């Protein structure tokens, strides 16, 4: 990688209000490799912005999937993604 990329500084930060909230419209639990601890949660907003995170518990990835699908995802849908 180019050395200049490491020497970059943040030029500006805009912390002004966003005109409308980003509502979570979809949250999807993805098991990428059953038996190998890979559980991914993809959260999408009504504005098309998305985020991806990983959650796991060694040897219990399907328990993590059930927890996310049954308890976390229902609470997320419709919420403001900025909070």
PDB file of N, CA and C in Angstrom:
ATOM      1  N   UNK A   1       0.848  -1.182   0.000  1.00  0.00           N
ATOM      2  CA  UNK A   1       0.000   0.000   0.000  1.00  0.00           C
ATOM      3  C   UNK A   1       0.889   1.240   0.000  1.00  0.00           C
ATOM      4  N   UNK A   2       0.437   2.258  -0.636  1.00  0.00           N
ATOM      5  CA  UNK A   2       1.160   3.511  -0.745  1.00  0.00           C
ATOM      6  C   UNK A   2       1.322   4.166   0.620  1.00  0.00           C
ATOM      7  N   UNK A   3       2.509   4.638   0.909  1.00  0.00           N
ATOM      8  CA  UNK A   3       2.806   5.278   2.196  1.00  0.00           C
ATOM      9  C   UNK A   3       1.884   6.475   2.446  1.00  0.00           C
ATOM     10  N   UNK A   4       1.508   7.192   1.408  1.00  0.00           N
ATOM     11  CA  UNK A   4       0.636   8.366   1.566  1.00  0.00           C
ATOM     12  C   UNK A   4      -0.702   7.987   2.176  1.00  0.00           C
ATOM     13  N   UNK A   5      -1.172   6.790   1.920  1.00  0.00           N
ATOM     14  CA  UNK A   5      -2.450   6.355   2.493  1.00  0.00           C
ATOM     15  C   UNK A   5      -2.367   6.265   4.008  1.00  0.00           C
ATOM     16  N   UNK A   6      -1.203   5.909   4.535  1.00  0.00           N
ATOM     17  CA  UNK A   6      -1.028   5.819   5.982  1.00  0.00           C
ATOM     18  C   UNK A   6      -0.866   7.194   6.624  1.00  0.00           C
ATOM     19  N   UNK A   7      -0.395   8.157   5.855  1.00  0.00           N
ATOM     20  CA  UNK A   7      -0.150   9.493   6.384  1.00  0.00           C
ATOM     21  C   UNK A   7      -1.341  10.425   6.229  1.00  0.00           C
ATOM     22  N   UNK A   8      -2.467   9.915   5.760  1.00  0.00           N
ATOM     23  CA  UNK A   8      -3.652  10.747   5.558  1.00  0.00           C
ATOM     24  C   UNK A   8      -4.239  11.185   6.888  1.00  0.00           C
ATOM     25  N   UNK A   9      -4.799  12.367   6.897  1.00  0.00           N
ATOM     26  CA  UNK A   9      -5.466  12.900   8.078  1.00  0.00           C
ATOM     27  C   UNK A   9      -6.929  13.164   7.756  1.00  0.00           C
ATOM     28  N   UNK A  10      -7.760  13.176   8.778  1.00  0.00           N
ATOM     29  CA  UNK A  10      -9.165  13.515   8.595  1.00  0.00           C
ATOM     30  C   UNK A  10      -9.244  15.000   8.275  1.00  0.00           C
ATOM     31  N   UNK A  11      -9.873  15.334   7.163  1.00  0.00           N
ATOM     32  CA  UNK A  11      -9.948  16.723   6.725  1.00  0.00           C
ATOM     33  C   UNK A  11     -11.131  17.459   7.325  1.00  0.00           C
ATOM     34  N   UNK A  12     -12.242  16.766   7.539  1.00  0.00           N
ATOM     35  CA  UNK A  12     -13.433  17.423   8.069  1.00  0.00           C
ATOM     36  C   UNK A  12     -14.391  16.387   8.634  1.00  0.00           C
ATOM     37  N   UNK A  13     -15.193  16.841   9.575  1.00  0.00           N
ATOM     38  CA  UNK A  13     -16.240  16.007  10.149  1.00  0.00           C
ATOM     39  C   UNK A  13     -17.512  16.833  10.170  1.00  0.00           C
ATOM     40  N   UNK A  14     -18.581  16.283   9.610  1.00  0.00           N
ATOM     41  CA  UNK A  14     -19.862  16.975   9.610  1.00  0.00           C
ATOM     42  C   UNK A  14     -20.775  16.264  10.593  1.00  0.00           C
ATOM     43  N   UNK A  15     -21.071  16.934  11.692  1.00  0.00           N
ATOM     44  CA  UNK A  15     -21.937  16.320  12.696  1.00  0.00           C
ATOM     45  C   UNK A  15     -23.304  16.988  12.753  1.00  0.00           C
ATOM     46  N   UNK A  16     -23.660  17.652  11.671  1.00  0.00           N
ATOM     47  CA  UNK A  16     -24.956  18.316  11.606  1.00  0.00           C
ATOM     48  C   UNK A  16     -26.090  17.310  11.547  1.00  0.00           C
ATOM     49  N   UNK A  17     -27.294  17.775  11.803  1.00  0.00           N
ATOM     50  CA  UNK A  17     -28.446  16.864  11.819  1.00  0.00           C
ATOM     51  C   UNK A  17     -28.752  16.314  10.429  1.00  0.00           C
ATOM     52  N   UNK A  18     -29.233  15.111  10.400  1.00  0.00           N
ATOM     53  CA  UNK A  18     -29.687  14.490   9.162  1.00  0.00           C
ATOM     54  C   UNK A  18     -31.164  14.831   9.031  1.00  0.00           C
ATOM     55  N   UNK A  19     -31.587  15.185   7.825  1.00  0.00           N
ATOM     56  CA  UNK A  19     -32.953  15.677   7.646  1.00  0.00           C
ATOM     57  C   UNK A  19     -34.025  14.648   7.994  1.00  0.00           C
ATOM     58  N   UNK A  20     -33.757  13.402   7.762  1.00  0.00           N
ATOM     59  CA  UNK A  20     -34.747  12.385   8.114  1.00  0.00           C
ATOM     60  C   UNK A  20     -34.025  11.196   8.739  1.00  0.00           C
ATOM     61  N   UNK A  21     -34.684  10.501   9.629  1.00  0.00           N
ATOM     62  CA  UNK A  21     -34.028   9.358  10.261  1.00  0.00           C
ATOM     63  C   UNK A  21     -33.847   8.209   9.273  1.00  0.00           C
ATOM     64  N   UNK A  22     -32.836   7.441   9.510  1.00  0.00           N
ATOM     65  CA  UNK A  22     -32.622   6.224   8.748  1.00  0.00           C
ATOM     66  C   UNK A  22     -33.347   5.113   9.486  1.00  0.00           C
ATOM     67  N   UNK A  23     -34.429   4.638   8.942  1.00  0.00           N
ATOM     68  CA  UNK A  23     -35.203   3.571   9.570  1.00  0.00           C
ATOM     69  C   UNK A  23     -34.689   2.218   9.095  1.00  0.00           C
ATOM     70  N   UNK A  24     -34.536   1.308  10.022  1.00  0.00           N
ATOM     71  CA  UNK A  24     -34.111  -0.039   9.665  1.00  0.00           C
ATOM     72  C   UNK A  24     -35.291  -0.749   9.017  1.00  0.00           C
ATOM     73  N   UNK A  25     -35.108  -1.190   7.786  1.00  0.00           N
ATOM     74  CA  UNK A  25     -36.203  -1.853   7.069  1.00  0.00           C
ATOM     75  C   UNK A  25     -35.991  -3.349   6.954  1.00  0.00           C
ATOM     76  N   UNK A  26     -34.740  -3.794   7.109  1.00  0.00           N
ATOM     77  CA  UNK A  26     -34.465  -5.213   6.948  1.00  0.00           C
ATOM     78  C   UNK A  26     -33.238  -5.587   7.770  1.00  0.00           C
ATOM     79  N   UNK A  27     -33.297  -6.730   8.395  1.00  0.00           N
ATOM     80  CA  UNK A  27     -32.141  -7.290   9.101  1.00  0.00           C
ATOM     81  C   UNK A  27     -32.116  -8.768   8.767  1.00  0.00           C
ATOM     82  N   UNK A  28     -30.997  -9.203   8.248  1.00  0.00           N
ATOM     83  CA  UNK A  28     -30.898 -10.574   7.758  1.00  0.00           C
ATOM     84  C   UNK A  28     -29.746 -11.295   8.442  1.00  0.00           C
ATOM     85  N   UNK A  29     -30.023 -12.480   8.938  1.00  0.00           N
ATOM     86  CA  UNK A  29     -29.000 -13.315   9.559  1.00  0.00           C
ATOM     87  C   UNK A  29     -28.500 -14.291   8.501  1.00  0.00           C
ATOM     88  N   UNK A  30     -27.188 -14.337   8.332  1.00  0.00           N
ATOM     89  CA  UNK A  30     -26.587 -15.168   7.299  1.00  0.00           C
ATOM     90  C   UNK A  30     -25.597 -16.133   7.954  1.00  0.00           C
ATOM     91  N   UNK A  31     -25.779 -17.419   7.706  1.00  0.00           N
ATOM     92  CA  UNK A  31     -24.810 -18.418   8.158  1.00  0.00           C
ATOM     93  C   UNK A  31     -23.968 -18.750   6.934  1.00  0.00           C
ATOM     94  N   UNK A  32     -22.738 -18.262   6.926  1.00  0.00           N
ATOM     95  CA  UNK A  32     -21.906 -18.420   5.741  1.00  0.00           C
ATOM     96  C   UNK A  32     -21.257 -19.783   5.640  1.00  0.00           C
ATOM     97  N   UNK A  33     -21.042 -20.423   6.771  1.00  0.00           N
ATOM     98  CA  UNK A  33     -20.398 -21.735   6.756  1.00  0.00           C
ATOM     99  C   UNK A  33     -20.814 -22.510   7.999  1.00  0.00           C
ATOM    100  N   UNK A  34     -21.945 -23.228   7.955  1.00  0.00           N
ATOM    101  CA  UNK A  34     -22.411 -23.964   9.136  1.00  0.00           C
ATOM    102  C   UNK A  34     -21.319 -24.870   9.705  1.00  0.00           C
ATOM    103  N   UNK A  35     -21.216 -24.882  11.022  1.00  0.00           N
ATOM    104  CA  UNK A  35     -20.205 -25.680  11.687  1.00  0.00           C
ATOM    105  C   UNK A  35     -18.858 -25.008  11.813  1.00  0.00           C
ATOM    106  N   UNK A  36     -18.733 -23.769  11.309  1.00  0.00           N
ATOM    107  CA  UNK A  36     -17.451 -23.082  11.356  1.00  0.00           C
ATOM    108  C   UNK A  36     -17.530 -21.722  12.038  1.00  0.00           C
ATOM    109  N   UNK A  37     -18.580 -21.453  12.788  1.00  0.00           N
ATOM    110  CA  UNK A  37     -18.721 -20.238  13.601  1.00  0.00           C
ATOM    111  C   UNK A  37     -18.909 -18.945  12.826  1.00  0.00           C
ATOM    112  N   UNK A  38     -19.334 -18.983  11.584  1.00  0.00           N
ATOM    113  CA  UNK A  38     -19.495 -17.755  10.828  1.00  0.00           C
ATOM    114  C   UNK A  38     -20.969 -17.363  10.750  1.00  0.00           C
ATOM    115  N   UNK A  39     -21.380 -16.399  11.563  1.00  0.00           N
ATOM    116  CA  UNK A  39     -22.742 -15.869  11.552  1.00  0.00           C
ATOM    117  C   UNK A  39     -22.624 -14.367  11.310  1.00  0.00           C
ATOM    118  N   UNK A  40     -23.308 -13.881  10.297  1.00  0.00           N
ATOM    119  CA  UNK A  40     -23.241 -12.471   9.927  1.00  0.00           C
ATOM    120  C   UNK A  40     -24.640 -11.876   9.993  1.00  0.00           C
ATOM    121  N   UNK A  41     -24.729 -10.649  10.480  1.00  0.00           N
ATOM    122  CA  UNK A  41     -25.991  -9.917  10.519  1.00  0.00           C
ATOM    123  C   UNK A  41     -25.848  -8.707   9.606  1.00  0.00           C
ATOM    124  N   UNK A  42     -26.733  -8.609   8.615  1.00  0.00           N
ATOM    125  CA  UNK A  42     -26.735  -7.461   7.708  1.00  0.00           C
ATOM    126  C   UNK A  42     -27.975  -6.640   8.000  1.00  0.00           C
ATOM    127  N   UNK A  43     -27.769  -5.374   8.334  1.00  0.00           N
ATOM    128  CA  UNK A  43     -28.866  -4.459   8.650  1.00  0.00           C
ATOM    129  C   UNK A  43     -28.938  -3.414   7.544  1.00  0.00           C
ATOM    130  N   UNK A  44     -30.135  -3.220   6.974  1.00  0.00           N
ATOM    131  CA  UNK A  44     -30.331  -2.267   5.887  1.00  0.00           C
ATOM    132  C   UNK A  44     -31.353  -1.208   6.285  1.00  0.00           C
ATOM    133  N   UNK A  45     -31.109   0.032   5.852  1.00  0.00           N
ATOM    134  CA  UNK A  45     -32.045   1.117   6.141  1.00  0.00           C
ATOM    135  C   UNK A  45     -32.919   1.403   4.925  1.00  0.00           C
ATOM    136  N   UNK A  46     -33.929   2.213   5.147  1.00  0.00           N
ATOM    137  CA  UNK A  46     -34.818   2.615   4.056  1.00  0.00           C
ATOM    138  C   UNK A  46     -34.127   3.546   3.065  1.00  0.00           C
ATOM    139  N   UNK A  47     -32.945   4.057   3.416  1.00  0.00           N
ATOM    140  CA  UNK A  47     -32.173   4.930   2.536  1.00  0.00           C
ATOM    141  C   UNK A  47     -31.127   4.151   1.731  1.00  0.00           C
ATOM    142  N   UNK A  48     -31.072   2.834   1.926  1.00  0.00           N
ATOM    143  CA  UNK A  48     -30.115   2.011   1.196  1.00  0.00           C
ATOM    144  C   UNK A  48     -28.768   1.843   1.885  1.00  0.00           C
ATOM    145  N   UNK A  49     -28.620   2.432   3.056  1.00  0.00           N
ATOM    146  CA  UNK A  49     -27.379   2.292   3.820  1.00  0.00           C
ATOM    147  C   UNK A  49     -27.432   0.961   4.562  1.00  0.00           C
ATOM    148  N   UNK A  50     -26.312   0.257   4.604  1.00  0.00           N
ATOM    149  CA  UNK A  50     -26.314  -1.017   5.318  1.00  0.00           C
ATOM    150  C   UNK A  50     -25.037  -1.184   6.131  1.00  0.00           C
ATOM    151  N   UNK A  51     -25.125  -2.057   7.093  1.00  0.00           N
ATOM    152  CA  UNK A  51     -23.976  -2.399   7.918  1.00  0.00           C
ATOM    153  C   UNK A  51     -23.948  -3.898   8.124  1.00  0.00           C
ATOM    154  N   UNK A  52     -22.755  -4.414   8.305  1.00  0.00           N
ATOM    155  CA  UNK A  52     -22.576  -5.848   8.487  1.00  0.00           C
ATOM    156  C   UNK A  52     -21.779  -6.075   9.760  1.00  0.00           C
ATOM    157  N   UNK A  53     -22.223  -7.052  10.554  1.00  0.00           N
ATOM    158  CA  UNK A  53     -21.511  -7.400  11.773  1.00  0.00           C
ATOM    159  C   UNK A  53     -21.478  -8.904  11.954  1.00  0.00           C
ATOM    160  N   UNK A  54     -20.551  -9.347  12.747  1.00  0.00           N
ATOM    161  CA  UNK A  54     -20.412 -10.779  13.012  1.00  0.00           C
ATOM    162  C   UNK A  54     -20.753 -11.081  14.455  1.00  0.00           C
ATOM    163  N   UNK A  55     -21.372 -12.225  14.654  1.00  0.00           N
ATOM    164  CA  UNK A  55     -21.694 -12.696  16.001  1.00  0.00           C
ATOM    165  C   UNK A  55     -21.468 -14.196  16.020  1.00  0.00           C
ATOM    166  N   UNK A  56     -20.870 -14.679  17.078  1.00  0.00           N
ATOM    167  CA  UNK A  56     -20.638 -16.115  17.141  1.00  0.00           C
ATOM    168  C   UNK A  56     -20.461 -16.585  18.575  1.00  0.00           C
ATOM    169  N   UNK A  57     -20.579 -17.855  18.744  1.00  0.00           N
ATOM    170  CA  UNK A  57     -20.317 -18.521  20.015  1.00  0.00           C
ATOM    171  C   UNK A  57     -19.780 -19.885  19.609  1.00  0.00           C
ATOM    172  N   UNK A  58     -18.551 -20.153  19.914  1.00  0.00           N
ATOM    173  CA  UNK A  58     -17.884 -21.363  19.430  1.00  0.00           C
ATOM    174  C   UNK A  58     -18.735 -22.615  19.578  1.00  0.00           C
ATOM    175  N   UNK A  59     -18.997 -23.251  18.447  1.00  0.00           N
ATOM    176  CA  UNK A  59     -19.762 -24.481  18.429  1.00  0.00           C
ATOM    177  C   UNK A  59     -21.261 -24.312  18.598  1.00  0.00           C
ATOM    178  N   UNK A  60     -21.715 -23.083  18.716  1.00  0.00           N
ATOM    179  CA  UNK A  60     -23.140 -22.825  18.946  1.00  0.00           C
ATOM    180  C   UNK A  60     -23.673 -21.768  17.981  1.00  0.00           C
ATOM    181  N   UNK A  61     -23.164 -21.776  16.764  1.00  0.00           N
ATOM    182  CA  UNK A  61     -23.570 -20.740  15.814  1.00  0.00           C
ATOM    183  C   UNK A  61     -25.061 -20.757  15.514  1.00  0.00           C
ATOM    184  N   UNK A  62     -25.695 -21.921  15.527  1.00  0.00           N
ATOM    185  CA  UNK A  62     -27.133 -21.965  15.253  1.00  0.00           C
ATOM    186  C   UNK A  62     -27.937 -21.394  16.423  1.00  0.00           C
ATOM    187  N   UNK A  63     -27.405 -21.459  17.633  1.00  0.00           N
ATOM    188  CA  UNK A  63     -28.053 -20.804  18.777  1.00  0.00           C
ATOM    189  C   UNK A  63     -27.971 -19.291  18.614  1.00  0.00           C
ATOM    190  N   UNK A  64     -26.843 -18.805  18.096  1.00  0.00           N
ATOM    191  CA  UNK A  64     -26.691 -17.369  17.830  1.00  0.00           C
ATOM    192  C   UNK A  64     -27.690 -16.944  16.761  1.00  0.00           C
ATOM    193  N   UNK A  65     -27.835 -17.748  15.716  1.00  0.00           N
ATOM    194  CA  UNK A  65     -28.800 -17.456  14.649  1.00  0.00           C
ATOM    195  C   UNK A  65     -30.209 -17.353  15.223  1.00  0.00           C
ATOM    196  N   UNK A  66     -30.599 -18.323  16.042  1.00  0.00           N
ATOM    197  CA  UNK A  66     -31.943 -18.321  16.630  1.00  0.00           C
ATOM    198  C   UNK A  66     -32.151 -17.100  17.511  1.00  0.00           C
ATOM    199  N   UNK A  67     -31.155 -16.751  18.322  1.00  0.00           N
ATOM    200  CA  UNK A  67     -31.263 -15.573  19.188  1.00  0.00           C
ATOM    201  C   UNK A  67     -31.443 -14.307  18.351  1.00  0.00           C
ATOM    202  N   UNK A  68     -30.611 -14.148  17.327  1.00  0.00           N
ATOM    203  CA  UNK A  68     -30.710 -12.953  16.487  1.00  0.00           C
ATOM    204  C   UNK A  68     -32.065 -12.886  15.784  1.00  0.00           C
ATOM    205  N   UNK A  69     -32.494 -13.991  15.178  1.00  0.00           N
ATOM    206  CA  UNK A  69     -33.757 -13.994  14.433  1.00  0.00           C
ATOM    207  C   UNK A  69     -34.975 -13.815  15.335  1.00  0.00           C
ATOM    208  N   UNK A  70     -34.954 -14.438  16.496  1.00  0.00           N
ATOM    209  CA  UNK A  70     -36.135 -14.424  17.368  1.00  0.00           C
ATOM    210  C   UNK A  70     -36.210 -13.219  18.298  1.00  0.00           C
ATOM    211  N   UNK A  71     -35.067 -12.672  18.688  1.00  0.00           N
ATOM    212  CA  UNK A  71     -35.068 -11.630  19.715  1.00  0.00           C
ATOM    213  C   UNK A  71     -34.499 -10.282  19.269  1.00  0.00           C
ATOM    214  N   UNK A  72     -33.502 -10.289  18.410  1.00  0.00           N
ATOM    215  CA  UNK A  72     -32.851  -9.030  18.027  1.00  0.00           C
ATOM    216  C   UNK A  72     -33.505  -8.413  16.796  1.00  0.00           C
ATOM    217  N   UNK A  73     -33.639  -9.172  15.725  1.00  0.00           N
ATOM    218  CA  UNK A  73     -34.191  -8.640  14.474  1.00  0.00           C
ATOM    219  C   UNK A  73     -35.570  -8.013  14.662  1.00  0.00           C
ATOM    220  N   UNK A  74     -36.514  -8.652  15.362  1.00  0.00           N
ATOM    221  CA  UNK A  74     -37.832  -8.031  15.526  1.00  0.00           C
ATOM    222  C   UNK A  74     -37.786  -6.671  16.232  1.00  0.00           C
ATOM    223  N   UNK A  75     -36.832  -6.487  17.106  1.00  0.00           N
ATOM    224  CA  UNK A  75     -36.709  -5.217  17.830  1.00  0.00           C
ATOM    225  C   UNK A  75     -36.088  -4.139  16.941  1.00  0.00           C
ATOM    226  N   UNK A  76     -35.256  -4.527  15.998  1.00  0.00           N
ATOM    227  CA  UNK A  76     -34.561  -3.563  15.143  1.00  0.00           C
ATOM    228  C   UNK A  76     -35.445  -2.961  14.053  1.00  0.00           C
ATOM    229  N   UNK A  77     -36.332  -3.747  13.473  1.00  0.00           N
ATOM    230  CA  UNK A  77     -37.127  -3.296  12.329  1.00  0.00           C
ATOM    231  C   UNK A  77     -37.949  -2.059  12.701  1.00  0.00           C
ATOM    232  N   UNK A  78     -37.795  -1.004  11.887  1.00  0.00           N
ATOM    233  CA  UNK A  78     -38.527   0.238  12.101  1.00  0.00           C
ATOM    234  C   UNK A  78     -37.828   1.251  12.992  1.00  0.00           C
ATOM    235  N   UNK A  79     -36.747   0.851  13.634  1.00  0.00           N
ATOM    236  CA  UNK A  79     -36.034   1.775  14.523  1.00  0.00           C
ATOM    237  C   UNK A  79     -35.119   2.706  13.742  1.00  0.00           C
ATOM    238  N   UNK A  80     -34.763   3.810  14.375  1.00  0.00           N
ATOM    239  CA  UNK A  80     -33.820   4.764  13.812  1.00  0.00           C
ATOM    240  C   UNK A  80     -32.425   4.145  13.902  1.00  0.00           C
ATOM    241  N   UNK A  81     -31.785   3.942  12.765  1.00  0.00           N
ATOM    242  CA  UNK A  81     -30.474   3.288  12.723  1.00  0.00           C
ATOM    243  C   UNK A  81     -29.371   4.133  13.344  1.00  0.00           C
ATOM    244  N   UNK A  82     -29.612   5.418  13.549  1.00  0.00           N
ATOM    245  CA  UNK A  82     -28.582   6.285  14.133  1.00  0.00           C
ATOM    246  C   UNK A  82     -28.511   6.156  15.641  1.00  0.00           C
ATOM    247  N   UNK A  83     -29.396   5.420  16.246  1.00  0.00           N
ATOM    248  CA  UNK A  83     -29.415   5.282  17.707  1.00  0.00           C
ATOM    249  C   UNK A  83     -28.965   3.926  18.138  1.00  0.00           C
TER     250      UNK A  83
END
